Amino acid sequence: MAMVSVLLALTGARAGAGDSLASLRYLVGTWQCTYDTGKMRATYTATFDYDMSGNWIRERDSWKGGGEDLGMLTYDPKNGVWTSVVLEPDRTTTLFRAGGDNPNHLVYRSIYPNASMTDVFDRVSAASYTLHFTQMAGGKTTKSTDTCLKT
């Protein structure tokens, strides 16, 4: 019995139909995205897949010139909290949290390395989503919008 408990703890429970993470299943696949700051516009590819026994969704972004970053997101149904971790090639990490169980509109706020960032995820349709990012730093506000379409 102890071994079964250890195995269950190690493998984790896959996100089930009633789990809000399962409602993001439509993200799995490849998306073409446009990043727009008003002064600069760039395109990138976002690829989503389940990871870690289906308990996290992994996002790998890549763009021309060989750039890339990695994101991991999950939902904690016990506490009603979404967590998103962004990993950059320069070894920096940003940790975001969002409350609520509505996966169609998530307001992520950074908690590490500081609380200066907000990233709002909005599902437009099964084949489109947007991100509205805001950061306060050095007395300045930086804003950007990402628009992504499934390919």
N, C-alpha and C. Protein backbone atom coordinates (compact mmCIF):
# COMPACT_ATOMS: atom_id res chain seq x y z
N MET A 1 0.82 -1.19 0.00
CA MET A 1 0.00 0.00 0.00
C MET A 1 0.87 1.26 0.00
N ALA A 2 1.94 1.25 0.77
CA ALA A 2 2.83 2.41 0.80
C ALA A 2 3.45 2.64 -0.57
N MET A 3 3.80 1.55 -1.28
CA MET A 3 4.40 1.69 -2.61
C MET A 3 3.40 2.30 -3.59
N VAL A 4 2.13 1.91 -3.49
CA VAL A 4 1.10 2.48 -4.36
C VAL A 4 0.98 3.98 -4.11
N SER A 5 1.00 4.38 -2.85
CA SER A 5 0.91 5.81 -2.51
C SER A 5 2.11 6.58 -3.05
N VAL A 6 3.29 6.00 -2.95
CA VAL A 6 4.50 6.64 -3.48
C VAL A 6 4.40 6.77 -4.99
N LEU A 7 3.97 5.71 -5.68
CA LEU A 7 3.84 5.76 -7.14
C LEU A 7 2.81 6.79 -7.56
N LEU A 8 1.69 6.88 -6.86
CA LEU A 8 0.68 7.87 -7.19
C LEU A 8 1.23 9.28 -6.99
N ALA A 9 1.97 9.48 -5.92
CA ALA A 9 2.55 10.80 -5.65
C ALA A 9 3.58 11.17 -6.72
N LEU A 10 4.36 10.19 -7.18
CA LEU A 10 5.38 10.47 -8.18
C LEU A 10 4.80 10.72 -9.56
N THR A 11 3.77 9.99 -9.93
CA THR A 11 3.21 10.14 -11.27
C THR A 11 2.18 11.24 -11.34
N GLY A 12 1.53 11.54 -10.22
CA GLY A 12 0.53 12.61 -10.21
C GLY A 12 -0.74 12.18 -10.92
N ALA A 13 -1.78 12.92 -10.70
CA ALA A 13 -3.05 12.64 -11.36
C ALA A 13 -3.16 13.51 -12.60
N ARG A 14 -3.45 12.91 -13.72
CA ARG A 14 -3.60 13.64 -14.98
C ARG A 14 -4.82 14.54 -14.87
N ALA A 15 -4.73 15.71 -15.47
CA ALA A 15 -5.84 16.66 -15.44
C ALA A 15 -7.07 16.02 -16.06
N GLY A 16 -8.13 15.91 -15.26
CA GLY A 16 -9.36 15.28 -15.73
C GLY A 16 -10.32 16.28 -16.33
N ALA A 17 -11.45 15.77 -16.81
CA ALA A 17 -12.43 16.59 -17.51
C ALA A 17 -12.94 17.74 -16.64
N GLY A 18 -13.05 17.53 -15.32
CA GLY A 18 -13.53 18.58 -14.44
C GLY A 18 -12.45 19.57 -14.03
N ASP A 19 -11.23 19.32 -14.40
CA ASP A 19 -10.10 20.17 -14.05
C ASP A 19 -10.00 21.30 -15.06
N SER A 20 -9.86 22.53 -14.59
CA SER A 20 -9.76 23.68 -15.50
C SER A 20 -8.59 23.58 -16.46
N LEU A 21 -7.51 22.90 -16.07
CA LEU A 21 -6.38 22.74 -16.98
C LEU A 21 -6.80 21.97 -18.23
N ALA A 22 -7.67 20.99 -18.08
CA ALA A 22 -8.13 20.21 -19.23
C ALA A 22 -8.87 21.08 -20.23
N SER A 23 -9.47 22.18 -19.78
CA SER A 23 -10.18 23.05 -20.70
C SER A 23 -9.24 23.84 -21.61
N LEU A 24 -7.94 23.78 -21.34
CA LEU A 24 -6.95 24.42 -22.22
C LEU A 24 -6.39 23.45 -23.26
N ARG A 25 -7.00 22.28 -23.37
CA ARG A 25 -6.55 21.27 -24.33
C ARG A 25 -6.47 21.85 -25.75
N TYR A 26 -7.35 22.79 -26.08
CA TYR A 26 -7.35 23.39 -27.42
C TYR A 26 -6.03 24.09 -27.75
N LEU A 27 -5.25 24.46 -26.73
CA LEU A 27 -3.95 25.11 -26.98
C LEU A 27 -2.93 24.16 -27.59
N VAL A 28 -3.06 22.86 -27.33
CA VAL A 28 -2.07 21.89 -27.81
C VAL A 28 -1.97 21.97 -29.33
N GLY A 29 -0.75 22.18 -29.80
CA GLY A 29 -0.49 22.32 -31.22
C GLY A 29 0.39 23.53 -31.48
N THR A 30 0.36 24.01 -32.72
CA THR A 30 1.24 25.10 -33.15
C THR A 30 0.42 26.34 -33.47
N TRP A 31 0.92 27.48 -33.03
CA TRP A 31 0.27 28.77 -33.20
C TRP A 31 1.24 29.75 -33.84
N GLN A 32 0.75 30.62 -34.70
CA GLN A 32 1.54 31.71 -35.27
C GLN A 32 1.11 32.98 -34.54
N CYS A 33 2.09 33.69 -33.97
CA CYS A 33 1.79 34.83 -33.12
C CYS A 33 2.47 36.10 -33.62
N THR A 34 1.83 37.21 -33.33
CA THR A 34 2.39 38.53 -33.61
C THR A 34 2.52 39.27 -32.28
N TYR A 35 3.70 39.78 -32.04
CA TYR A 35 4.02 40.57 -30.85
C TYR A 35 4.08 42.03 -31.28
N ASP A 36 3.32 42.91 -30.63
CA ASP A 36 3.23 44.30 -31.05
C ASP A 36 3.34 45.23 -29.84
N THR A 37 4.33 46.13 -29.88
CA THR A 37 4.49 47.12 -28.80
C THR A 37 4.02 48.50 -29.23
N GLY A 38 3.55 48.62 -30.47
CA GLY A 38 3.20 49.93 -31.01
C GLY A 38 4.34 50.53 -31.79
N LYS A 39 5.57 50.28 -31.33
CA LYS A 39 6.76 50.77 -32.03
C LYS A 39 7.48 49.63 -32.75
N MET A 40 7.26 48.43 -32.27
CA MET A 40 7.94 47.26 -32.84
C MET A 40 6.92 46.14 -33.01
N ARG A 41 7.07 45.41 -34.11
CA ARG A 41 6.20 44.27 -34.39
C ARG A 41 7.09 43.10 -34.81
N ALA A 42 6.82 41.93 -34.23
CA ALA A 42 7.61 40.73 -34.55
C ALA A 42 6.67 39.52 -34.57
N THR A 43 7.11 38.47 -35.24
CA THR A 43 6.32 37.24 -35.27
C THR A 43 7.11 36.12 -34.61
N TYR A 44 6.37 35.16 -34.06
CA TYR A 44 6.99 33.98 -33.46
C TYR A 44 6.02 32.81 -33.54
N THR A 45 6.55 31.62 -33.32
CA THR A 45 5.75 30.40 -33.29
C THR A 45 5.68 29.91 -31.86
N ALA A 46 4.47 29.61 -31.40
CA ALA A 46 4.25 29.04 -30.07
C ALA A 46 3.75 27.62 -30.24
N THR A 47 4.42 26.68 -29.57
CA THR A 47 4.02 25.27 -29.64
C THR A 47 3.67 24.80 -28.23
N PHE A 48 2.47 24.26 -28.07
CA PHE A 48 1.97 23.81 -26.77
C PHE A 48 1.84 22.29 -26.75
N ASP A 49 2.12 21.70 -25.58
CA ASP A 49 1.93 20.27 -25.37
C ASP A 49 1.82 20.02 -23.87
N TYR A 50 1.16 18.91 -23.52
CA TYR A 50 1.11 18.53 -22.11
C TYR A 50 2.46 17.96 -21.68
N ASP A 51 2.80 18.14 -20.42
CA ASP A 51 4.05 17.66 -19.86
C ASP A 51 3.80 17.22 -18.42
N MET A 52 4.76 16.53 -17.84
CA MET A 52 4.74 16.11 -16.44
C MET A 52 3.44 15.37 -16.09
N SER A 53 3.23 14.26 -16.75
CA SER A 53 2.06 13.40 -16.54
C SER A 53 0.75 14.12 -16.84
N GLY A 54 0.78 15.11 -17.72
CA GLY A 54 -0.43 15.83 -18.10
C GLY A 54 -0.87 16.88 -17.12
N ASN A 55 -0.03 17.19 -16.12
CA ASN A 55 -0.39 18.16 -15.10
C ASN A 55 0.10 19.58 -15.39
N TRP A 56 0.90 19.73 -16.40
CA TRP A 56 1.41 21.03 -16.83
C TRP A 56 1.25 21.13 -18.34
N ILE A 57 1.12 22.34 -18.85
CA ILE A 57 1.18 22.59 -20.29
C ILE A 57 2.48 23.32 -20.56
N ARG A 58 3.25 22.79 -21.49
CA ARG A 58 4.55 23.39 -21.86
C ARG A 58 4.35 24.23 -23.12
N GLU A 59 4.88 25.43 -23.11
CA GLU A 59 4.86 26.31 -24.28
C GLU A 59 6.28 26.63 -24.68
N ARG A 60 6.60 26.33 -25.92
CA ARG A 60 7.93 26.68 -26.46
C ARG A 60 7.72 27.71 -27.55
N ASP A 61 8.30 28.90 -27.35
CA ASP A 61 8.22 29.96 -28.34
C ASP A 61 9.55 30.05 -29.08
N SER A 62 9.47 30.26 -30.40
CA SER A 62 10.70 30.42 -31.18
C SER A 62 10.46 31.46 -32.27
N TRP A 63 11.53 32.16 -32.64
CA TRP A 63 11.43 33.19 -33.66
C TRP A 63 12.67 33.19 -34.51
N LYS A 64 12.56 33.88 -35.67
CA LYS A 64 13.67 33.97 -36.62
C LYS A 64 14.92 34.45 -35.93
N GLY A 65 16.04 33.91 -36.34
CA GLY A 65 17.30 34.28 -35.74
C GLY A 65 17.71 33.33 -34.62
N GLY A 66 16.88 32.33 -34.36
CA GLY A 66 17.24 31.31 -33.38
C GLY A 66 16.83 31.59 -31.95
N GLY A 67 16.03 32.62 -31.71
CA GLY A 67 15.60 32.92 -30.35
C GLY A 67 14.51 31.98 -29.88
N GLU A 68 14.47 31.76 -28.58
CA GLU A 68 13.42 30.92 -28.02
C GLU A 68 13.28 31.16 -26.52
N ASP A 69 12.11 30.79 -25.99
CA ASP A 69 11.91 30.73 -24.55
C ASP A 69 10.94 29.60 -24.25
N LEU A 70 10.78 29.31 -22.98
CA LEU A 70 9.96 28.19 -22.56
C LEU A 70 9.02 28.66 -21.46
N GLY A 71 7.78 28.21 -21.53
CA GLY A 71 6.81 28.52 -20.50
C GLY A 71 6.15 27.24 -20.01
N MET A 72 5.79 27.21 -18.75
CA MET A 72 5.06 26.09 -18.16
C MET A 72 3.88 26.67 -17.41
N LEU A 73 2.69 26.06 -17.58
CA LEU A 73 1.55 26.55 -16.84
C LEU A 73 0.72 25.39 -16.31
N THR A 74 0.07 25.65 -15.18
CA THR A 74 -0.78 24.64 -14.55
C THR A 74 -1.86 25.33 -13.74
N TYR A 75 -2.80 24.53 -13.28
CA TYR A 75 -3.89 25.01 -12.44
C TYR A 75 -3.92 24.17 -11.17
N ASP A 76 -3.97 24.82 -10.02
CA ASP A 76 -4.09 24.15 -8.73
C ASP A 76 -5.55 24.22 -8.31
N PRO A 77 -6.33 23.14 -8.56
CA PRO A 77 -7.76 23.19 -8.26
C PRO A 77 -8.07 23.32 -6.76
N LYS A 78 -7.20 22.85 -5.90
CA LYS A 78 -7.44 22.96 -4.46
C LYS A 78 -7.46 24.41 -4.00
N ASN A 79 -6.58 25.23 -4.60
CA ASN A 79 -6.46 26.62 -4.20
C ASN A 79 -7.03 27.60 -5.21
N GLY A 80 -7.51 27.09 -6.37
CA GLY A 80 -8.07 27.96 -7.40
C GLY A 80 -7.06 28.94 -7.95
N VAL A 81 -5.82 28.47 -8.17
CA VAL A 81 -4.74 29.35 -8.61
C VAL A 81 -4.05 28.78 -9.85
N TRP A 82 -3.85 29.65 -10.82
CA TRP A 82 -3.07 29.31 -12.02
C TRP A 82 -1.63 29.76 -11.77
N THR A 83 -0.68 28.97 -12.25
CA THR A 83 0.74 29.33 -12.15
C THR A 83 1.35 29.24 -13.55
N SER A 84 2.12 30.26 -13.90
CA SER A 84 2.84 30.28 -15.17
C SER A 84 4.29 30.65 -14.87
N VAL A 85 5.20 29.86 -15.39
CA VAL A 85 6.63 30.10 -15.21
C VAL A 85 7.24 30.32 -16.60
N VAL A 86 7.97 31.42 -16.76
CA VAL A 86 8.63 31.73 -18.02
C VAL A 86 10.13 31.59 -17.82
N LEU A 87 10.75 30.77 -18.66
CA LEU A 87 12.19 30.50 -18.58
C LEU A 87 12.86 31.08 -19.82
N GLU A 88 13.84 31.92 -19.60
CA GLU A 88 14.54 32.57 -20.70
C GLU A 88 15.92 31.95 -20.91
N PRO A 89 16.46 32.03 -22.13
CA PRO A 89 17.78 31.45 -22.41
C PRO A 89 18.91 32.07 -21.58
N ASP A 90 18.71 33.30 -21.09
CA ASP A 90 19.76 33.94 -20.28
C ASP A 90 19.70 33.50 -18.82
N ARG A 91 18.91 32.45 -18.53
CA ARG A 91 18.76 31.83 -17.22
C ARG A 91 17.89 32.63 -16.26
N THR A 92 17.17 33.63 -16.78
CA THR A 92 16.24 34.35 -15.92
C THR A 92 14.89 33.62 -15.91
N THR A 93 14.13 33.85 -14.85
CA THR A 93 12.85 33.20 -14.65
C THR A 93 11.84 34.23 -14.16
N THR A 94 10.63 34.13 -14.65
CA THR A 94 9.54 34.96 -14.14
C THR A 94 8.41 34.04 -13.72
N LEU A 95 7.85 34.30 -12.55
CA LEU A 95 6.76 33.50 -12.02
C LEU A 95 5.52 34.36 -11.92
N PHE A 96 4.42 33.89 -12.56
CA PHE A 96 3.14 34.59 -12.55
C PHE A 96 2.11 33.74 -11.84
N ARG A 97 1.11 34.39 -11.20
CA ARG A 97 -0.04 33.70 -10.60
C ARG A 97 -1.30 34.41 -11.05
N ALA A 98 -2.38 33.64 -11.21
CA ALA A 98 -3.69 34.19 -11.53
C ALA A 98 -4.73 33.43 -10.72
N GLY A 99 -5.73 34.13 -10.23
CA GLY A 99 -6.79 33.48 -9.47
C GLY A 99 -7.97 33.13 -10.37
N GLY A 100 -8.86 32.33 -9.83
CA GLY A 100 -10.08 31.99 -10.54
C GLY A 100 -9.98 30.72 -11.34
N ASP A 101 -11.13 30.21 -11.75
CA ASP A 101 -11.15 28.96 -12.50
C ASP A 101 -11.65 29.15 -13.93
N ASN A 102 -11.68 30.40 -14.41
CA ASN A 102 -12.10 30.67 -15.78
C ASN A 102 -10.88 30.70 -16.70
N PRO A 103 -10.62 29.63 -17.44
CA PRO A 103 -9.44 29.58 -18.29
C PRO A 103 -9.54 30.44 -19.55
N ASN A 104 -10.70 31.08 -19.79
CA ASN A 104 -10.87 31.92 -20.97
C ASN A 104 -10.41 33.36 -20.75
N HIS A 105 -10.25 33.74 -19.50
CA HIS A 105 -9.77 35.09 -19.16
C HIS A 105 -8.96 34.97 -17.87
N LEU A 106 -7.65 35.08 -18.00
CA LEU A 106 -6.75 34.94 -16.85
C LEU A 106 -5.91 36.20 -16.72
N VAL A 107 -5.92 36.77 -15.54
CA VAL A 107 -5.10 37.96 -15.26
C VAL A 107 -3.94 37.51 -14.40
N TYR A 108 -2.80 37.29 -15.05
CA TYR A 108 -1.58 36.87 -14.36
C TYR A 108 -0.85 38.08 -13.82
N ARG A 109 -0.37 37.99 -12.58
CA ARG A 109 0.46 39.02 -11.98
C ARG A 109 1.78 38.38 -11.57
N SER A 110 2.87 39.08 -11.86
CA SER A 110 4.18 38.52 -11.52
C SER A 110 4.38 38.57 -10.01
N ILE A 111 5.01 37.51 -9.51
CA ILE A 111 5.37 37.49 -8.08
C ILE A 111 6.87 37.29 -7.91
N TYR A 112 7.57 36.93 -8.99
CA TYR A 112 9.02 36.79 -8.97
C TYR A 112 9.54 37.10 -10.37
N PRO A 113 10.57 37.88 -10.54
CA PRO A 113 11.48 38.41 -9.54
C PRO A 113 10.93 39.65 -8.83
N ASN A 114 9.80 40.21 -9.32
CA ASN A 114 9.17 41.35 -8.68
C ASN A 114 7.70 41.37 -9.09
N ALA A 115 6.96 42.33 -8.58
CA ALA A 115 5.52 42.41 -8.85
C ALA A 115 5.20 43.50 -9.86
N SER A 116 6.06 43.72 -10.83
CA SER A 116 5.88 44.83 -11.78
C SER A 116 5.14 44.47 -13.05
N MET A 117 4.78 43.19 -13.23
CA MET A 117 4.22 42.75 -14.51
C MET A 117 2.82 42.18 -14.38
N THR A 118 2.01 42.43 -15.41
CA THR A 118 0.69 41.82 -15.55
C THR A 118 0.60 41.29 -16.97
N ASP A 119 0.06 40.09 -17.12
CA ASP A 119 -0.13 39.49 -18.43
C ASP A 119 -1.54 38.91 -18.47
N VAL A 120 -2.39 39.47 -19.31
CA VAL A 120 -3.80 39.06 -19.40
C VAL A 120 -3.98 38.16 -20.61
N PHE A 121 -4.41 36.92 -20.35
CA PHE A 121 -4.70 35.94 -21.39
C PHE A 121 -6.20 35.96 -21.67
N ASP A 122 -6.57 36.10 -22.95
CA ASP A 122 -7.98 36.03 -23.36
C ASP A 122 -8.14 35.07 -24.52
N ARG A 123 -8.99 34.09 -24.32
CA ARG A 123 -9.35 33.18 -25.40
C ARG A 123 -10.38 33.89 -26.27
N VAL A 124 -10.05 34.10 -27.54
CA VAL A 124 -10.96 34.73 -28.47
C VAL A 124 -11.86 33.67 -29.10
N SER A 125 -11.26 32.53 -29.45
CA SER A 125 -11.97 31.38 -30.02
C SER A 125 -11.09 30.16 -29.83
N ALA A 126 -11.52 29.01 -30.32
CA ALA A 126 -10.71 27.80 -30.23
C ALA A 126 -9.45 27.92 -31.08
N ALA A 127 -9.40 28.91 -31.97
CA ALA A 127 -8.25 29.06 -32.86
C ALA A 127 -7.57 30.43 -32.71
N SER A 128 -7.87 31.15 -31.63
CA SER A 128 -7.28 32.48 -31.46
C SER A 128 -7.25 32.86 -29.97
N TYR A 129 -6.14 33.48 -29.56
CA TYR A 129 -6.05 34.05 -28.21
C TYR A 129 -5.17 35.29 -28.26
N THR A 130 -5.31 36.13 -27.24
CA THR A 130 -4.47 37.32 -27.12
C THR A 130 -3.83 37.37 -25.74
N LEU A 131 -2.71 38.06 -25.67
CA LEU A 131 -2.02 38.37 -24.42
C LEU A 131 -1.82 39.88 -24.39
N HIS A 132 -2.16 40.50 -23.26
CA HIS A 132 -1.94 41.93 -23.07
C HIS A 132 -0.99 42.06 -21.88
N PHE A 133 0.24 42.45 -22.18
CA PHE A 133 1.31 42.52 -21.17
C PHE A 133 1.56 43.97 -20.79
N THR A 134 1.76 44.21 -19.49
CA THR A 134 2.12 45.53 -18.97
C THR A 134 3.21 45.35 -17.93
N GLN A 135 4.22 46.24 -17.98
CA GLN A 135 5.28 46.22 -16.97
C GLN A 135 5.61 47.65 -16.56
N MET A 136 5.73 47.84 -15.26
CA MET A 136 6.16 49.12 -14.70
C MET A 136 7.62 48.96 -14.27
N ALA A 137 8.50 49.77 -14.83
CA ALA A 137 9.92 49.70 -14.45
C ALA A 137 10.55 51.07 -14.65
N GLY A 138 11.27 51.52 -13.65
CA GLY A 138 11.97 52.80 -13.74
C GLY A 138 11.06 53.97 -14.03
N GLY A 139 9.84 53.93 -13.51
CA GLY A 139 8.90 55.02 -13.73
C GLY A 139 8.22 54.99 -15.10
N LYS A 140 8.51 53.98 -15.90
CA LYS A 140 7.92 53.87 -17.23
C LYS A 140 7.02 52.65 -17.31
N THR A 141 6.00 52.77 -18.14
CA THR A 141 5.10 51.64 -18.39
C THR A 141 5.36 51.12 -19.79
N THR A 142 5.58 49.82 -19.89
CA THR A 142 5.76 49.16 -21.17
C THR A 142 4.54 48.28 -21.41
N LYS A 143 3.99 48.35 -22.61
CA LYS A 143 2.81 47.54 -22.96
C LYS A 143 3.06 46.83 -24.28
N SER A 144 2.50 45.63 -24.37
CA SER A 144 2.56 44.88 -25.63
C SER A 144 1.31 44.02 -25.75
N THR A 145 1.02 43.65 -26.99
CA THR A 145 -0.10 42.75 -27.29
C THR A 145 0.40 41.64 -28.19
N ASP A 146 0.08 40.41 -27.82
CA ASP A 146 0.36 39.25 -28.66
C ASP A 146 -0.98 38.74 -29.17
N THR A 147 -1.06 38.48 -30.47
CA THR A 147 -2.23 37.89 -31.09
C THR A 147 -1.80 36.59 -31.73
N CYS A 148 -2.44 35.48 -31.35
CA CYS A 148 -2.01 34.18 -31.82
C CYS A 148 -3.14 33.44 -32.51
N LEU A 149 -2.81 32.81 -33.65
CA LEU A 149 -3.76 32.04 -34.45
C LEU A 149 -3.24 30.61 -34.61
N LYS A 150 -4.11 29.64 -34.43
CA LYS A 150 -3.70 28.23 -34.55
C LYS A 150 -3.49 27.88 -36.01
N THR A 151 -2.42 27.12 -36.26
CA THR A 151 -2.14 26.72 -37.64
C THR A 151 -2.55 25.30 -37.89
